[in-house]
Amino acid sequence: MTKKFKKITLMVPCYNEEKGIPNVIKDVPVKKLKEMGYKIEVLVINNNSTDKTAEVAKKLGARVVDEPRPGKGNAIKTGFKSIAKDVDFALMVDGDNTYKPHEMLRLIEPLESGFSDVIIGSRLEGNMKGKAMSFSHRLANWFFTFITRFFYGANVTDTCTGYFAWTRKAIDVLNGHIK
């Protein structure tokens, strides 16, 4: 009898990330995920990179899709459209290695338990390495986060994050509606 694994897609939108993407892919806790009953696919969305991002990602076992229209939003839309129908959870992390994929289990657990359909990672509430975000970016992020919390009542601590997780239900709702 073969074990049925739950499937995860890790989306990584990339623009010229040939230096960061190897660390991102190598930091995915494939063995730990497998032990916990998950199978993961790394999906790199190559957003008009002029470096070797796509080649490096393919060499490390990622599936690469190209998005010729510039902008992270276009890359995310293409990523959502590229998620297989049988995937249980999708996560997204930036390709510059500012987020640590080995922490993805912390994002999956509240989805798996039914606590939430969407989890938003936060750099502002955690430990950030030295120059991961400049003071001006940190200040702007705090401002946008305050505005989001104030006007929308959303319990968000980092509106400019690049670390997300979604259930299949959330993927289906968002897919096709992302502008």
Protein backbone atom coordinates (compact mmCIF):
# COMPACT_ATOMS: atom_id res chain seq x y z
CA MET A 1 0.00 0.00 0.00
CA THR A 2 1.50 3.33 -1.05
CA LYS A 3 1.32 6.30 1.22
CA LYS A 4 -0.80 9.19 -0.06
CA PHE A 5 1.16 12.40 0.22
CA LYS A 6 -0.41 15.83 0.41
CA LYS A 7 1.00 18.05 -2.32
CA ILE A 8 2.60 21.45 -1.90
CA THR A 9 3.74 23.89 -4.56
CA LEU A 10 6.34 26.46 -3.55
CA MET A 11 6.06 29.40 -5.95
CA VAL A 12 9.17 31.51 -6.35
CA PRO A 13 8.69 34.60 -8.55
CA CYS A 14 12.11 35.63 -9.83
CA TYR A 15 13.72 38.49 -11.67
CA ASN A 16 17.48 38.07 -12.00
CA GLU A 17 17.92 35.85 -8.94
CA GLU A 18 20.60 33.44 -10.18
CA LYS A 19 22.60 34.12 -7.00
CA GLY A 20 19.72 33.74 -4.53
CA ILE A 21 17.66 30.95 -6.12
CA PRO A 22 20.17 28.14 -5.38
CA ASN A 23 19.98 28.90 -1.65
CA VAL A 24 16.19 29.10 -1.76
CA ILE A 25 15.83 25.73 -3.49
CA LYS A 26 18.48 24.02 -1.36
CA ASP A 27 16.79 25.31 1.83
CA VAL A 28 13.47 23.58 1.06
CA PRO A 29 13.10 20.88 3.75
CA VAL A 30 12.23 18.11 1.29
CA LYS A 31 13.19 15.24 3.62
CA LYS A 32 11.33 16.67 6.63
CA LEU A 33 8.26 17.37 4.49
CA LYS A 34 8.31 13.80 3.17
CA GLU A 35 8.53 12.44 6.72
CA MET A 36 5.46 14.50 7.58
CA GLY A 37 3.48 13.23 4.58
CA TYR A 38 4.04 16.02 2.06
CA LYS A 39 5.42 16.05 -1.45
CA ILE A 40 6.72 19.41 -2.68
CA GLU A 41 7.29 20.93 -6.09
CA VAL A 42 9.34 24.10 -6.47
CA LEU A 43 7.84 26.31 -9.18
CA VAL A 44 10.07 29.17 -10.31
CA ILE A 45 8.30 31.89 -12.26
CA ASN A 46 10.97 33.48 -14.42
CA ASN A 47 9.92 37.10 -14.92
CA ASN A 48 12.08 38.30 -17.83
CA SER A 49 15.37 37.52 -16.14
CA THR A 50 18.44 38.50 -18.14
CA ASP A 51 20.73 36.30 -16.06
CA LYS A 52 20.77 32.50 -15.64
CA THR A 53 17.93 32.28 -13.09
CA ALA A 54 15.90 29.79 -15.16
CA GLU A 55 18.86 27.56 -15.99
CA VAL A 56 20.07 27.45 -12.38
CA ALA A 57 16.58 26.67 -11.09
CA LYS A 58 16.05 23.85 -13.63
CA LYS A 59 19.43 22.37 -12.81
CA LEU A 60 18.39 22.21 -9.14
CA GLY A 61 15.15 20.39 -10.00
CA ALA A 62 12.63 23.22 -10.06
CA ARG A 63 9.89 23.47 -12.65
CA VAL A 64 10.29 26.80 -14.44
CA VAL A 65 7.55 28.77 -16.17
CA ASP A 66 8.19 32.01 -17.99
CA GLU A 67 6.20 35.20 -17.56
CA PRO A 68 7.26 37.75 -20.20
CA ARG A 69 5.23 40.66 -18.77
CA PRO A 70 7.32 42.57 -16.23
CA GLY A 71 6.30 42.87 -12.60
CA LYS A 72 5.92 40.61 -9.60
CA GLY A 73 2.12 40.76 -9.88
CA ASN A 74 2.25 39.23 -13.36
CA ALA A 75 4.64 36.56 -12.09
CA ILE A 76 2.28 35.72 -9.22
CA LYS A 77 -0.71 35.49 -11.57
CA THR A 78 1.22 33.09 -13.80
CA GLY A 79 2.32 31.11 -10.75
CA PHE A 80 -1.26 30.66 -9.55
CA LYS A 81 -2.35 29.53 -13.01
CA SER A 82 0.52 27.01 -13.03
CA ILE A 83 -0.43 25.26 -9.78
CA ALA A 84 -1.66 21.72 -10.46
CA LYS A 85 -5.31 21.00 -9.60
CA ASP A 86 -4.35 18.28 -7.12
CA VAL A 87 -2.14 20.53 -4.95
CA ASP A 88 -3.32 20.85 -1.35
CA PHE A 89 -1.27 23.90 -0.34
CA ALA A 90 0.69 26.60 -2.14
CA LEU A 91 3.39 28.76 -0.64
CA MET A 92 5.26 31.69 -2.07
CA VAL A 93 8.70 32.94 -1.18
CA ASP A 94 10.89 35.53 -2.86
CA GLY A 95 13.84 34.26 -4.89
CA ASP A 96 16.44 36.51 -3.26
CA ASN A 97 16.83 34.26 -0.19
CA THR A 98 15.55 36.86 2.29
CA TYR A 99 13.03 34.32 3.58
CA LYS A 100 13.97 30.87 4.77
CA PRO A 101 12.06 28.03 3.08
CA HIS A 102 13.04 25.63 5.90
CA GLU A 103 10.51 27.55 8.03
CA MET A 104 7.62 26.71 5.70
CA LEU A 105 6.28 24.11 8.11
CA ARG A 106 5.38 26.99 10.42
CA LEU A 107 3.14 28.36 7.67
CA ILE A 108 1.63 25.01 6.72
CA GLU A 109 0.59 23.98 10.24
CA PRO A 110 -2.22 26.56 10.65
CA LEU A 111 -3.50 25.68 7.17
CA GLU A 112 -3.41 21.96 7.89
CA SER A 113 -5.22 22.41 11.22
CA GLY A 114 -8.01 24.41 9.59
CA PHE A 115 -7.17 27.53 11.59
CA SER A 116 -6.83 29.63 8.44
CA ASP A 117 -6.91 29.47 4.65
CA VAL A 118 -4.18 32.09 4.20
CA ILE A 119 -1.02 32.72 6.21
CA ILE A 120 1.16 35.78 5.72
CA GLY A 121 4.76 35.59 6.89
CA SER A 122 6.32 38.56 8.67
CA ARG A 123 9.83 39.94 8.72
CA LEU A 124 8.93 42.78 11.04
CA GLU A 125 7.82 40.48 13.86
CA GLY A 126 10.74 38.07 13.53
CA ASN A 127 14.49 38.17 13.44
CA MET A 128 15.81 39.86 10.35
CA LYS A 129 19.41 39.56 9.27
CA GLY A 130 21.42 42.78 9.13
CA LYS A 131 20.68 44.41 5.81
CA ALA A 132 17.67 42.33 4.75
CA MET A 133 15.63 45.54 4.68
CA SER A 134 16.89 49.11 4.66
CA PHE A 135 15.62 51.56 7.27
CA SER A 136 13.57 53.46 4.65
CA HIS A 137 11.96 50.21 3.43
CA ARG A 138 11.25 49.16 7.01
CA LEU A 139 9.66 52.54 7.75
CA ALA A 140 7.52 52.40 4.59
CA ASN A 141 6.48 48.84 5.42
CA TRP A 142 5.47 49.83 8.96
CA PHE A 143 3.42 52.69 7.48
CA PHE A 144 1.63 50.48 4.92
CA THR A 145 1.04 47.85 7.59
CA PHE A 146 -0.50 50.44 9.93
CA ILE A 147 -2.79 51.71 7.15
CA THR A 148 -3.86 48.15 6.27
CA ARG A 149 -4.59 47.29 9.90
CA PHE A 150 -6.41 50.58 10.50
CA PHE A 151 -8.63 50.65 7.40
CA TYR A 152 -9.19 46.92 6.83
CA GLY A 153 -8.94 45.58 10.35
CA ALA A 154 -6.56 42.94 9.04
CA ASN A 155 -4.26 41.25 11.54
CA VAL A 156 -1.18 41.74 9.36
CA THR A 157 2.31 42.66 10.56
CA ASP A 158 4.17 42.89 7.22
CA THR A 159 2.14 44.06 4.22
CA CYS A 160 5.18 43.99 1.93
CA THR A 161 6.06 40.40 2.73
CA GLY A 162 7.10 37.86 0.15
CA TYR A 163 6.19 34.81 2.25
CA PHE A 164 2.64 33.45 1.92
CA ALA A 165 0.77 30.15 2.25
CA TRP A 166 -2.68 29.22 0.92
CA THR A 167 -5.03 26.24 1.13
CA ARG A 168 -6.53 24.69 -2.00
CA LYS A 169 -9.77 26.54 -1.20
CA ALA A 170 -7.96 29.90 -1.16
CA ILE A 171 -6.04 29.04 -4.34
CA ASP A 172 -9.31 28.31 -6.14
CA VAL A 173 -10.89 31.56 -4.94
CA LEU A 174 -7.86 33.68 -5.86
CA ASN A 175 -7.03 32.01 -9.16
CA GLY A 176 -8.42 34.12 -11.94
CA HIS A 177 -9.27 37.04 -9.66
CA ILE A 178 -5.79 38.40 -9.05
CA LYS A 179 -5.42 41.72 -10.82
